[in-house]
């Protein structure tokens, strides 16, 4: 029983990490809808995926800063069967492909 309590505390203390469809999401907190089709990630959100994984983006504004692409205002990222919505995202290249950094994002799975 002690082991289960320790594991529960460790699981709560660790940042959230989700692996799915060749992407990794880390965040300080995650909230799932009852059907798990909508997931919101909060605080220091990092979404990384293979650059072979095709994705589309739309936003109100786009700028470039030291090799990064910054998108702001009604940002929508679509890939595989996922639509991600956020206010601001910074895309950069990483060893594994593409890294998207956000403060908050809501994923809707189709």
PDB file of N, CA and C in Angstrom:
ATOM      1  N   UNK A   1       0.813  -1.190   0.000  1.00  0.00           N
ATOM      2  CA  UNK A   1       0.000   0.000   0.000  1.00  0.00           C
ATOM      3  C   UNK A   1       0.862   1.263   0.000  1.00  0.00           C
ATOM      4  N   UNK A   2       2.002   1.218   0.734  1.00  0.00           N
ATOM      5  CA  UNK A   2       2.892   2.370   0.753  1.00  0.00           C
ATOM      6  C   UNK A   2       3.415   2.676  -0.642  1.00  0.00           C
ATOM      7  N   UNK A   3       3.741   1.636  -1.400  1.00  0.00           N
ATOM      8  CA  UNK A   3       4.259   1.829  -2.742  1.00  0.00           C
ATOM      9  C   UNK A   3       3.247   2.550  -3.615  1.00  0.00           C
ATOM     10  N   UNK A   4       1.981   2.182  -3.524  1.00  0.00           N
ATOM     11  CA  UNK A   4       0.944   2.845  -4.309  1.00  0.00           C
ATOM     12  C   UNK A   4       0.832   4.316  -3.947  1.00  0.00           C
ATOM     13  N   UNK A   5       0.924   4.642  -2.662  1.00  0.00           N
ATOM     14  CA  UNK A   5       0.855   6.037  -2.239  1.00  0.00           C
ATOM     15  C   UNK A   5       2.040   6.824  -2.785  1.00  0.00           C
ATOM     16  N   UNK A   6       3.224   6.241  -2.731  1.00  0.00           N
ATOM     17  CA  UNK A   6       4.417   6.900  -3.248  1.00  0.00           C
ATOM     18  C   UNK A   6       4.290   7.105  -4.748  1.00  0.00           C
ATOM     19  N   UNK A   7       3.844   6.088  -5.471  1.00  0.00           N
ATOM     20  CA  UNK A   7       3.670   6.223  -6.915  1.00  0.00           C
ATOM     21  C   UNK A   7       2.644   7.290  -7.254  1.00  0.00           C
ATOM     22  N   UNK A   8       1.576   7.370  -6.493  1.00  0.00           N
ATOM     23  CA  UNK A   8       0.554   8.388  -6.736  1.00  0.00           C
ATOM     24  C   UNK A   8       1.126   9.786  -6.542  1.00  0.00           C
ATOM     25  N   UNK A   9       1.916   9.977  -5.505  1.00  0.00           N
ATOM     26  CA  UNK A   9       2.532  11.279  -5.255  1.00  0.00           C
ATOM     27  C   UNK A   9       3.505  11.625  -6.369  1.00  0.00           C
ATOM     28  N   UNK A  10       4.317  10.681  -6.790  1.00  0.00           N
ATOM     29  CA  UNK A  10       5.263  10.920  -7.876  1.00  0.00           C
ATOM     30  C   UNK A  10       4.518  11.251  -9.158  1.00  0.00           C
ATOM     31  N   UNK A  11       3.461  10.528  -9.459  1.00  0.00           N
ATOM     32  CA  UNK A  11       2.688  10.779 -10.677  1.00  0.00           C
ATOM     33  C   UNK A  11       2.069  12.168 -10.666  1.00  0.00           C
ATOM     34  N   UNK A  12       1.617  12.627  -9.525  1.00  0.00           N
ATOM     35  CA  UNK A  12       1.025  13.958  -9.429  1.00  0.00           C
ATOM     36  C   UNK A  12       2.097  15.035  -9.551  1.00  0.00           C
ATOM     37  N   UNK A  13       3.270  14.788  -9.013  1.00  0.00           N
ATOM     38  CA  UNK A  13       4.328  15.790  -8.995  1.00  0.00           C
ATOM     39  C   UNK A  13       5.000  15.976 -10.349  1.00  0.00           C
ATOM     40  N   UNK A  14       5.005  14.965 -11.174  1.00  0.00           N
ATOM     41  CA  UNK A  14       5.666  15.065 -12.466  1.00  0.00           C
ATOM     42  C   UNK A  14       4.830  15.870 -13.442  1.00  0.00           C
ATOM     43  N   UNK A  15       5.476  16.626 -14.339  1.00  0.00           N
ATOM     44  CA  UNK A  15       4.715  17.303 -15.383  1.00  0.00           C
ATOM     45  C   UNK A  15       4.032  16.268 -16.275  1.00  0.00           C
ATOM     46  N   UNK A  16       2.976  16.686 -16.907  1.00  0.00           N
ATOM     47  CA  UNK A  16       2.223  15.782 -17.770  1.00  0.00           C
ATOM     48  C   UNK A  16       2.986  15.524 -19.053  1.00  0.00           C
ATOM     49  N   UNK A  17       3.007  14.288 -19.476  1.00  0.00           N
ATOM     50  CA  UNK A  17       3.618  13.901 -20.741  1.00  0.00           C
ATOM     51  C   UNK A  17       2.653  12.975 -21.454  1.00  0.00           C
ATOM     52  N   UNK A  18       2.361  13.287 -22.711  1.00  0.00           N
ATOM     53  CA  UNK A  18       1.450  12.461 -23.490  1.00  0.00           C
ATOM     54  C   UNK A  18       2.129  12.109 -24.801  1.00  0.00           C
ATOM     55  N   UNK A  19       2.115  10.835 -25.149  1.00  0.00           N
ATOM     56  CA  UNK A  19       2.657  10.366 -26.417  1.00  0.00           C
ATOM     57  C   UNK A  19       1.513   9.856 -27.276  1.00  0.00           C
ATOM     58  N   UNK A  20       1.430  10.328 -28.496  1.00  0.00           N
ATOM     59  CA  UNK A  20       0.386   9.846 -29.391  1.00  0.00           C
ATOM     60  C   UNK A  20       0.682  10.316 -30.802  1.00  0.00           C
ATOM     61  N   UNK A  21       0.383   9.466 -31.771  1.00  0.00           N
ATOM     62  CA  UNK A  21       0.499   9.832 -33.180  1.00  0.00           C
ATOM     63  C   UNK A  21       1.824  10.518 -33.512  1.00  0.00           C
ATOM     64  N   UNK A  22       2.914  10.008 -33.037  1.00  0.00           N
ATOM     65  CA  UNK A  22       4.247  10.520 -33.319  1.00  0.00           C
ATOM     66  C   UNK A  22       4.453  11.946 -32.823  1.00  0.00           C
ATOM     67  N   UNK A  23       3.820  12.315 -31.727  1.00  0.00           N
ATOM     68  CA  UNK A  23       4.100  13.606 -31.119  1.00  0.00           C
ATOM     69  C   UNK A  23       4.153  13.457 -29.602  1.00  0.00           C
ATOM     70  N   UNK A  24       4.833  14.398 -28.986  1.00  0.00           N
ATOM     71  CA  UNK A  24       4.977  14.391 -27.532  1.00  0.00           C
ATOM     72  C   UNK A  24       4.502  15.744 -27.016  1.00  0.00           C
ATOM     73  N   UNK A  25       3.652  15.722 -25.988  1.00  0.00           N
ATOM     74  CA  UNK A  25       3.154  16.946 -25.372  1.00  0.00           C
ATOM     75  C   UNK A  25       3.579  16.935 -23.909  1.00  0.00           C
ATOM     76  N   UNK A  26       4.218  18.009 -23.470  1.00  0.00           N
ATOM     77  CA  UNK A  26       4.506  18.162 -22.049  1.00  0.00           C
ATOM     78  C   UNK A  26       3.875  19.467 -21.582  1.00  0.00           C
ATOM     79  N   UNK A  27       3.400  19.478 -20.351  1.00  0.00           N
ATOM     80  CA  UNK A  27       2.778  20.669 -19.776  1.00  0.00           C
ATOM     81  C   UNK A  27       2.779  20.536 -18.264  1.00  0.00           C
ATOM     82  N   UNK A  28       2.574  21.645 -17.592  1.00  0.00           N
ATOM     83  CA  UNK A  28       2.482  21.611 -16.134  1.00  0.00           C
ATOM     84  C   UNK A  28       1.185  20.972 -15.668  1.00  0.00           C
ATOM     85  N   UNK A  29       0.126  21.114 -16.466  1.00  0.00           N
ATOM     86  CA  UNK A  29      -1.181  20.583 -16.083  1.00  0.00           C
ATOM     87  C   UNK A  29      -1.956  20.205 -17.335  1.00  0.00           C
ATOM     88  N   UNK A  30      -2.787  19.175 -17.223  1.00  0.00           N
ATOM     89  CA  UNK A  30      -3.663  18.805 -18.334  1.00  0.00           C
ATOM     90  C   UNK A  30      -5.062  18.527 -17.809  1.00  0.00           C
ATOM     91  N   UNK A  31      -6.053  18.883 -18.615  1.00  0.00           N
ATOM     92  CA  UNK A  31      -7.453  18.677 -18.262  1.00  0.00           C
ATOM     93  C   UNK A  31      -8.115  17.962 -19.429  1.00  0.00           C
ATOM     94  N   UNK A  32      -8.781  16.833 -19.136  1.00  0.00           N
ATOM     95  CA  UNK A  32      -9.435  16.039 -20.168  1.00  0.00           C
ATOM     96  C   UNK A  32     -10.943  16.165 -20.052  1.00  0.00           C
ATOM     97  N   UNK A  33     -11.631  16.203 -21.201  1.00  0.00           N
ATOM     98  CA  UNK A  33     -13.089  16.127 -21.178  1.00  0.00           C
ATOM     99  C   UNK A  33     -13.484  14.702 -20.819  1.00  0.00           C
ATOM    100  N   UNK A  34     -14.738  14.506 -20.461  1.00  0.00           N
ATOM    101  CA  UNK A  34     -15.181  13.172 -20.033  1.00  0.00           C
ATOM    102  C   UNK A  34     -15.031  12.135 -21.140  1.00  0.00           C
ATOM    103  N   UNK A  35     -15.133  12.546 -22.399  1.00  0.00           N
ATOM    104  CA  UNK A  35     -14.972  11.598 -23.503  1.00  0.00           C
ATOM    105  C   UNK A  35     -13.542  11.588 -24.053  1.00  0.00           C
ATOM    106  N   UNK A  36     -12.657  12.380 -23.472  1.00  0.00           N
ATOM    107  CA  UNK A  36     -11.236  12.498 -23.855  1.00  0.00           C
ATOM    108  C   UNK A  36     -11.029  13.027 -25.270  1.00  0.00           C
ATOM    109  N   UNK A  37     -12.054  13.555 -25.899  1.00  0.00           N
ATOM    110  CA  UNK A  37     -11.888  14.119 -27.244  1.00  0.00           C
ATOM    111  C   UNK A  37     -11.357  15.546 -27.202  1.00  0.00           C
ATOM    112  N   UNK A  38     -11.484  16.194 -26.052  1.00  0.00           N
ATOM    113  CA  UNK A  38     -10.937  17.533 -25.866  1.00  0.00           C
ATOM    114  C   UNK A  38      -9.972  17.490 -24.690  1.00  0.00           C
ATOM    115  N   UNK A  39      -8.761  18.000 -24.937  1.00  0.00           N
ATOM    116  CA  UNK A  39      -7.732  18.009 -23.901  1.00  0.00           C
ATOM    117  C   UNK A  39      -7.091  19.386 -23.877  1.00  0.00           C
ATOM    118  N   UNK A  40      -7.016  19.975 -22.696  1.00  0.00           N
ATOM    119  CA  UNK A  40      -6.393  21.284 -22.545  1.00  0.00           C
ATOM    120  C   UNK A  40      -5.110  21.114 -21.745  1.00  0.00           C
ATOM    121  N   UNK A  41      -4.042  21.696 -22.260  1.00  0.00           N
ATOM    122  CA  UNK A  41      -2.734  21.644 -21.614  1.00  0.00           C
ATOM    123  C   UNK A  41      -2.385  23.058 -21.168  1.00  0.00           C
ATOM    124  N   UNK A  42      -1.932  23.186 -19.930  1.00  0.00           N
ATOM    125  CA  UNK A  42      -1.692  24.497 -19.330  1.00  0.00           C
ATOM    126  C   UNK A  42      -0.280  24.601 -18.771  1.00  0.00           C
ATOM    127  N   UNK A  43       0.348  25.747 -18.979  1.00  0.00           N
ATOM    128  CA  UNK A  43       1.635  26.036 -18.363  1.00  0.00           C
ATOM    129  C   UNK A  43       2.821  25.371 -19.017  1.00  0.00           C
ATOM    130  N   UNK A  44       3.677  26.162 -19.635  1.00  0.00           N
ATOM    131  CA  UNK A  44       4.922  25.675 -20.234  1.00  0.00           C
ATOM    132  C   UNK A  44       4.667  24.466 -21.136  1.00  0.00           C
ATOM    133  N   UNK A  45       3.761  24.636 -22.077  1.00  0.00           N
ATOM    134  CA  UNK A  45       3.372  23.550 -22.977  1.00  0.00           C
ATOM    135  C   UNK A  45       4.399  23.421 -24.096  1.00  0.00           C
ATOM    136  N   UNK A  46       4.891  22.206 -24.298  1.00  0.00           N
ATOM    137  CA  UNK A  46       5.795  21.903 -25.407  1.00  0.00           C
ATOM    138  C   UNK A  46       5.187  20.767 -26.218  1.00  0.00           C
ATOM    139  N   UNK A  47       5.038  21.000 -27.494  1.00  0.00           N
ATOM    140  CA  UNK A  47       4.553  19.988 -28.427  1.00  0.00           C
ATOM    141  C   UNK A  47       5.681  19.730 -29.408  1.00  0.00           C
ATOM    142  N   UNK A  48       6.186  18.509 -29.424  1.00  0.00           N
ATOM    143  CA  UNK A  48       7.246  18.182 -30.381  1.00  0.00           C
ATOM    144  C   UNK A  48       6.783  17.044 -31.263  1.00  0.00           C
ATOM    145  N   UNK A  49       7.160  17.144 -32.532  1.00  0.00           N
ATOM    146  CA  UNK A  49       6.804  16.087 -33.458  1.00  0.00           C
ATOM    147  C   UNK A  49       7.800  16.040 -34.598  1.00  0.00           C
ATOM    148  N   UNK A  50       7.845  14.913 -35.239  1.00  0.00           N
ATOM    149  CA  UNK A  50       8.722  14.666 -36.372  1.00  0.00           C
ATOM    150  C   UNK A  50       8.362  15.636 -37.489  1.00  0.00           C
ATOM    151  N   UNK A  51       9.371  16.252 -38.108  1.00  0.00           N
ATOM    152  CA  UNK A  51       9.061  17.200 -39.174  1.00  0.00           C
ATOM    153  C   UNK A  51       8.489  16.530 -40.418  1.00  0.00           C
ATOM    154  N   UNK A  52       8.505  15.204 -40.462  1.00  0.00           N
ATOM    155  CA  UNK A  52       7.841  14.481 -41.554  1.00  0.00           C
ATOM    156  C   UNK A  52       6.330  14.449 -41.338  1.00  0.00           C
ATOM    157  N   UNK A  53       5.913  14.721 -40.108  1.00  0.00           N
ATOM    158  CA  UNK A  53       4.494  14.760 -39.761  1.00  0.00           C
ATOM    159  C   UNK A  53       3.924  16.075 -40.295  1.00  0.00           C
ATOM    160  N   UNK A  54       3.162  16.014 -41.361  1.00  0.00           N
ATOM    161  CA  UNK A  54       2.637  17.214 -42.010  1.00  0.00           C
ATOM    162  C   UNK A  54       1.615  17.900 -41.119  1.00  0.00           C
ATOM    163  N   UNK A  55       1.711  19.221 -41.026  1.00  0.00           N
ATOM    164  CA  UNK A  55       0.744  19.986 -40.252  1.00  0.00           C
ATOM    165  C   UNK A  55       0.448  21.297 -40.974  1.00  0.00           C
ATOM    166  N   UNK A  56      -0.708  21.870 -40.663  1.00  0.00           N
ATOM    167  CA  UNK A  56      -1.116  23.149 -41.233  1.00  0.00           C
ATOM    168  C   UNK A  56      -1.388  24.114 -40.094  1.00  0.00           C
ATOM    169  N   UNK A  57      -1.147  25.405 -40.348  1.00  0.00           N
ATOM    170  CA  UNK A  57      -1.387  26.412 -39.325  1.00  0.00           C
ATOM    171  C   UNK A  57      -2.109  27.614 -39.919  1.00  0.00           C
ATOM    172  N   UNK A  58      -2.897  28.274 -39.093  1.00  0.00           N
ATOM    173  CA  UNK A  58      -3.477  29.570 -39.436  1.00  0.00           C
ATOM    174  C   UNK A  58      -3.383  30.450 -38.195  1.00  0.00           C
ATOM    175  N   UNK A  59      -3.266  31.755 -38.422  1.00  0.00           N
ATOM    176  CA  UNK A  59      -3.242  32.709 -37.312  1.00  0.00           C
ATOM    177  C   UNK A  59      -3.491  34.103 -37.864  1.00  0.00           C
ATOM    178  N   UNK A  60      -3.705  35.051 -36.969  1.00  0.00           N
ATOM    179  CA  UNK A  60      -3.902  36.440 -37.387  1.00  0.00           C
ATOM    180  C   UNK A  60      -2.587  37.126 -37.723  1.00  0.00           C
ATOM    181  N   UNK A  61      -1.506  36.768 -37.027  1.00  0.00           N
ATOM    182  CA  UNK A  61      -0.202  37.403 -37.230  1.00  0.00           C
ATOM    183  C   UNK A  61       0.908  36.365 -37.222  1.00  0.00           C
ATOM    184  N   UNK A  62       1.908  36.595 -38.075  1.00  0.00           N
ATOM    185  CA  UNK A  62       3.094  35.734 -38.118  1.00  0.00           C
ATOM    186  C   UNK A  62       4.323  36.631 -38.125  1.00  0.00           C
ATOM    187  N   UNK A  63       5.317  36.283 -37.310  1.00  0.00           N
ATOM    188  CA  UNK A  63       6.586  37.002 -37.321  1.00  0.00           C
ATOM    189  C   UNK A  63       7.719  35.994 -37.176  1.00  0.00           C
ATOM    190  N   UNK A  64       8.925  36.459 -37.442  1.00  0.00           N
ATOM    191  CA  UNK A  64      10.095  35.596 -37.369  1.00  0.00           C
ATOM    192  C   UNK A  64      11.096  36.228 -36.414  1.00  0.00           C
ATOM    193  N   UNK A  65      11.685  35.399 -35.538  1.00  0.00           N
ATOM    194  CA  UNK A  65      12.587  35.901 -34.519  1.00  0.00           C
ATOM    195  C   UNK A  65      13.717  34.902 -34.314  1.00  0.00           C
ATOM    196  N   UNK A  66      14.927  35.251 -34.739  1.00  0.00           N
ATOM    197  CA  UNK A  66      16.112  34.402 -34.560  1.00  0.00           C
ATOM    198  C   UNK A  66      15.893  32.974 -35.041  1.00  0.00           C
ATOM    199  N   UNK A  67      15.282  32.807 -36.193  1.00  0.00           N
ATOM    200  CA  UNK A  67      15.064  31.480 -36.759  1.00  0.00           C
ATOM    201  C   UNK A  67      13.792  30.798 -36.303  1.00  0.00           C
ATOM    202  N   UNK A  68      13.098  31.378 -35.330  1.00  0.00           N
ATOM    203  CA  UNK A  68      11.825  30.827 -34.862  1.00  0.00           C
ATOM    204  C   UNK A  68      10.671  31.505 -35.597  1.00  0.00           C
ATOM    205  N   UNK A  69       9.568  30.806 -35.727  1.00  0.00           N
ATOM    206  CA  UNK A  69       8.344  31.365 -36.289  1.00  0.00           C
ATOM    207  C   UNK A  69       7.365  31.576 -35.147  1.00  0.00           C
ATOM    208  N   UNK A  70       6.884  32.804 -34.996  1.00  0.00           N
ATOM    209  CA  UNK A  70       5.947  33.147 -33.926  1.00  0.00           C
ATOM    210  C   UNK A  70       4.596  33.458 -34.558  1.00  0.00           C
ATOM    211  N   UNK A  71       3.565  32.740 -34.118  1.00  0.00           N
ATOM    212  CA  UNK A  71       2.209  32.957 -34.619  1.00  0.00           C
ATOM    213  C   UNK A  71       1.343  33.405 -33.447  1.00  0.00           C
ATOM    214  N   UNK A  72       0.537  34.452 -33.690  1.00  0.00           N
ATOM    215  CA  UNK A  72      -0.307  34.996 -32.621  1.00  0.00           C
ATOM    216  C   UNK A  72      -1.711  35.284 -33.130  1.00  0.00           C
ATOM    217  N   UNK A  73      -2.673  35.195 -32.232  1.00  0.00           N
ATOM    218  CA  UNK A  73      -4.052  35.534 -32.544  1.00  0.00           C
ATOM    219  C   UNK A  73      -4.807  34.424 -33.238  1.00  0.00           C
ATOM    220  N   UNK A  74      -5.684  33.770 -32.513  1.00  0.00           N
ATOM    221  CA  UNK A  74      -6.526  32.701 -33.061  1.00  0.00           C
ATOM    222  C   UNK A  74      -5.711  31.667 -33.844  1.00  0.00           C
ATOM    223  N   UNK A  75      -4.681  31.154 -33.216  1.00  0.00           N
ATOM    224  CA  UNK A  75      -3.801  30.174 -33.856  1.00  0.00           C
ATOM    225  C   UNK A  75      -4.488  28.807 -33.882  1.00  0.00           C
ATOM    226  N   UNK A  76      -4.492  28.187 -35.063  1.00  0.00           N
ATOM    227  CA  UNK A  76      -5.031  26.836 -35.223  1.00  0.00           C
ATOM    228  C   UNK A  76      -3.950  25.984 -35.872  1.00  0.00           C
ATOM    229  N   UNK A  77      -3.621  24.871 -35.227  1.00  0.00           N
ATOM    230  CA  UNK A  77      -2.647  23.909 -35.748  1.00  0.00           C
ATOM    231  C   UNK A  77      -3.411  22.619 -36.009  1.00  0.00           C
ATOM    232  N   UNK A  78      -3.318  22.115 -37.240  1.00  0.00           N
ATOM    233  CA  UNK A  78      -4.044  20.897 -37.600  1.00  0.00           C
ATOM    234  C   UNK A  78      -3.053  19.859 -38.100  1.00  0.00           C
ATOM    235  N   UNK A  79      -3.106  18.658 -37.517  1.00  0.00           N
ATOM    236  CA  UNK A  79      -2.297  17.539 -37.998  1.00  0.00           C
ATOM    237  C   UNK A  79      -2.967  16.240 -37.603  1.00  0.00           C
ATOM    238  N   UNK A  80      -2.756  15.218 -38.440  1.00  0.00           N
ATOM    239  CA  UNK A  80      -3.404  13.924 -38.241  1.00  0.00           C
ATOM    240  C   UNK A  80      -4.892  14.147 -37.996  1.00  0.00           C
ATOM    241  N   UNK A  81      -5.417  13.661 -36.912  1.00  0.00           N
ATOM    242  CA  UNK A  81      -6.837  13.832 -36.586  1.00  0.00           C
ATOM    243  C   UNK A  81      -7.021  14.826 -35.441  1.00  0.00           C
ATOM    244  N   UNK A  82      -6.104  15.799 -35.339  1.00  0.00           N
ATOM    245  CA  UNK A  82      -6.077  16.716 -34.204  1.00  0.00           C
ATOM    246  C   UNK A  82      -6.172  18.162 -34.674  1.00  0.00           C
ATOM    247  N   UNK A  83      -6.961  18.951 -33.952  1.00  0.00           N
ATOM    248  CA  UNK A  83      -6.981  20.397 -34.130  1.00  0.00           C
ATOM    249  C   UNK A  83      -6.577  21.016 -32.798  1.00  0.00           C
ATOM    250  N   UNK A  84      -5.533  21.829 -32.824  1.00  0.00           N
ATOM    251  CA  UNK A  84      -5.038  22.492 -31.618  1.00  0.00           C
ATOM    252  C   UNK A  84      -5.284  23.992 -31.754  1.00  0.00           C
ATOM    253  N   UNK A  85      -5.821  24.607 -30.700  1.00  0.00           N
ATOM    254  CA  UNK A  85      -6.131  26.035 -30.719  1.00  0.00           C
ATOM    255  C   UNK A  85      -5.408  26.711 -29.558  1.00  0.00           C
ATOM    256  N   UNK A  86      -4.730  27.832 -29.858  1.00  0.00           N
ATOM    257  CA  UNK A  86      -3.998  28.584 -28.840  1.00  0.00           C
ATOM    258  C   UNK A  86      -3.971  30.055 -29.228  1.00  0.00           C
ATOM    259  N   UNK A  87      -3.534  30.915 -28.310  1.00  0.00           N
ATOM    260  CA  UNK A  87      -3.413  32.346 -28.599  1.00  0.00           C
ATOM    261  C   UNK A  87      -2.069  32.683 -29.237  1.00  0.00           C
ATOM    262  N   UNK A  88      -1.029  31.943 -28.834  1.00  0.00           N
ATOM    263  CA  UNK A  88       0.317  32.227 -29.337  1.00  0.00           C
ATOM    264  C   UNK A  88       1.141  30.953 -29.319  1.00  0.00           C
ATOM    265  N   UNK A  89       1.944  30.763 -30.363  1.00  0.00           N
ATOM    266  CA  UNK A  89       2.844  29.613 -30.432  1.00  0.00           C
ATOM    267  C   UNK A  89       4.159  30.060 -31.060  1.00  0.00           C
ATOM    268  N   UNK A  90       5.249  29.486 -30.573  1.00  0.00           N
ATOM    269  CA  UNK A  90       6.561  29.710 -31.168  1.00  0.00           C
ATOM    270  C   UNK A  90       7.074  28.374 -31.674  1.00  0.00           C
ATOM    271  N   UNK A  91       7.302  28.292 -32.993  1.00  0.00           N
ATOM    272  CA  UNK A  91       7.826  27.079 -33.617  1.00  0.00           C
ATOM    273  C   UNK A  91       9.330  27.218 -33.785  1.00  0.00           C
ATOM    274  N   UNK A  92      10.055  26.158 -33.445  1.00  0.00           N
ATOM    275  CA  UNK A  92      11.495  26.125 -33.678  1.00  0.00           C
ATOM    276  C   UNK A  92      11.902  24.716 -34.093  1.00  0.00           C
ATOM    277  N   UNK A  93      13.051  24.623 -34.722  1.00  0.00           N
ATOM    278  CA  UNK A  93      13.592  23.319 -35.100  1.00  0.00           C
ATOM    279  C   UNK A  93      14.186  22.667 -33.858  1.00  0.00           C
ATOM    280  N   UNK A  94      14.059  21.346 -33.793  1.00  0.00           N
ATOM    281  CA  UNK A  94      14.667  20.596 -32.698  1.00  0.00           C
ATOM    282  C   UNK A  94      15.331  19.360 -33.281  1.00  0.00           C
ATOM    283  N   UNK A  95      16.056  18.640 -32.449  1.00  0.00           N
ATOM    284  CA  UNK A  95      16.720  17.418 -32.911  1.00  0.00           C
ATOM    285  C   UNK A  95      15.721  16.400 -33.437  1.00  0.00           C
ATOM    286  N   UNK A  96      14.524  16.395 -32.858  1.00  0.00           N
ATOM    287  CA  UNK A  96      13.513  15.410 -33.263  1.00  0.00           C
ATOM    288  C   UNK A  96      12.597  15.929 -34.363  1.00  0.00           C
ATOM    289  N   UNK A  97      12.742  17.185 -34.756  1.00  0.00           N
ATOM    290  CA  UNK A  97      11.897  17.747 -35.814  1.00  0.00           C
ATOM    291  C   UNK A  97      11.471  19.162 -35.510  1.00  0.00           C
ATOM    292  N   UNK A  98      10.220  19.325 -35.047  1.00  0.00           N
ATOM    293  CA  UNK A  98       9.652  20.643 -34.775  1.00  0.00           C
ATOM    294  C   UNK A  98       9.226  20.713 -33.314  1.00  0.00           C
ATOM    295  N   UNK A  99       9.497  21.847 -32.676  1.00  0.00           N
ATOM    296  CA  UNK A  99       9.064  22.087 -31.307  1.00  0.00           C
ATOM    297  C   UNK A  99       8.159  23.310 -31.301  1.00  0.00           C
ATOM    298  N   UNK A 100       6.954  23.159 -30.756  1.00  0.00           N
ATOM    299  CA  UNK A 100       6.010  24.266 -30.607  1.00  0.00           C
ATOM    300  C   UNK A 100       5.873  24.571 -29.120  1.00  0.00           C
ATOM    301  N   UNK A 101       6.107  25.830 -28.737  1.00  0.00           N
ATOM    302  CA  UNK A 101       6.013  26.238 -27.333  1.00  0.00           C
ATOM    303  C   UNK A 101       4.816  27.163 -27.159  1.00  0.00           C
ATOM    304  N   UNK A 102       4.004  26.883 -26.125  1.00  0.00           N
ATOM    305  CA  UNK A 102       2.800  27.658 -25.852  1.00  0.00           C
ATOM    306  C   UNK A 102       2.587  27.763 -24.350  1.00  0.00           C
ATOM    307  N   UNK A 103       1.745  28.706 -23.933  1.00  0.00           N
ATOM    308  CA  UNK A 103       1.349  28.788 -22.524  1.00  0.00           C
ATOM    309  C   UNK A 103       0.134  27.916 -22.257  1.00  0.00           C
ATOM    310  N   UNK A 104      -0.739  27.797 -23.261  1.00  0.00           N
ATOM    311  CA  UNK A 104      -1.964  27.006 -23.124  1.00  0.00           C
ATOM    312  C   UNK A 104      -2.420  26.590 -24.519  1.00  0.00           C
ATOM    313  N   UNK A 105      -2.944  25.381 -24.619  1.00  0.00           N
ATOM    314  CA  UNK A 105      -3.473  24.901 -25.901  1.00  0.00           C
ATOM    315  C   UNK A 105      -4.594  23.910 -25.628  1.00  0.00           C
ATOM    316  N   UNK A 106      -5.599  23.932 -26.500  1.00  0.00           N
ATOM    317  CA  UNK A 106      -6.694  22.968 -26.407  1.00  0.00           C
ATOM    318  C   UNK A 106      -6.686  22.102 -27.654  1.00  0.00           C
ATOM    319  N   UNK A 107      -6.599  20.797 -27.448  1.00  0.00           N
ATOM    320  CA  UNK A 107      -6.606  19.822 -28.529  1.00  0.00           C
ATOM    321  C   UNK A 107      -8.004  19.232 -28.650  1.00  0.00           C
ATOM    322  N   UNK A 108      -8.480  19.102 -29.872  1.00  0.00           N
ATOM    323  CA  UNK A 108      -9.729  18.396 -30.137  1.00  0.00           C
ATOM    324  C   UNK A 108      -9.401  17.251 -31.080  1.00  0.00           C
ATOM    325  N   UNK A 109      -9.734  16.036 -30.658  1.00  0.00           N
ATOM    326  CA  UNK A 109      -9.485  14.840 -31.455  1.00  0.00           C
ATOM    327  C   UNK A 109     -10.759  14.468 -32.189  1.00  0.00           C
ATOM    328  N   UNK A 110     -10.622  14.185 -33.481  1.00  0.00           N
ATOM    329  CA  UNK A 110     -11.793  13.815 -34.290  1.00  0.00           C
ATOM    330  C   UNK A 110     -12.054  12.335 -34.216  1.00  0.00           C
TER     331      UNK A 110
END
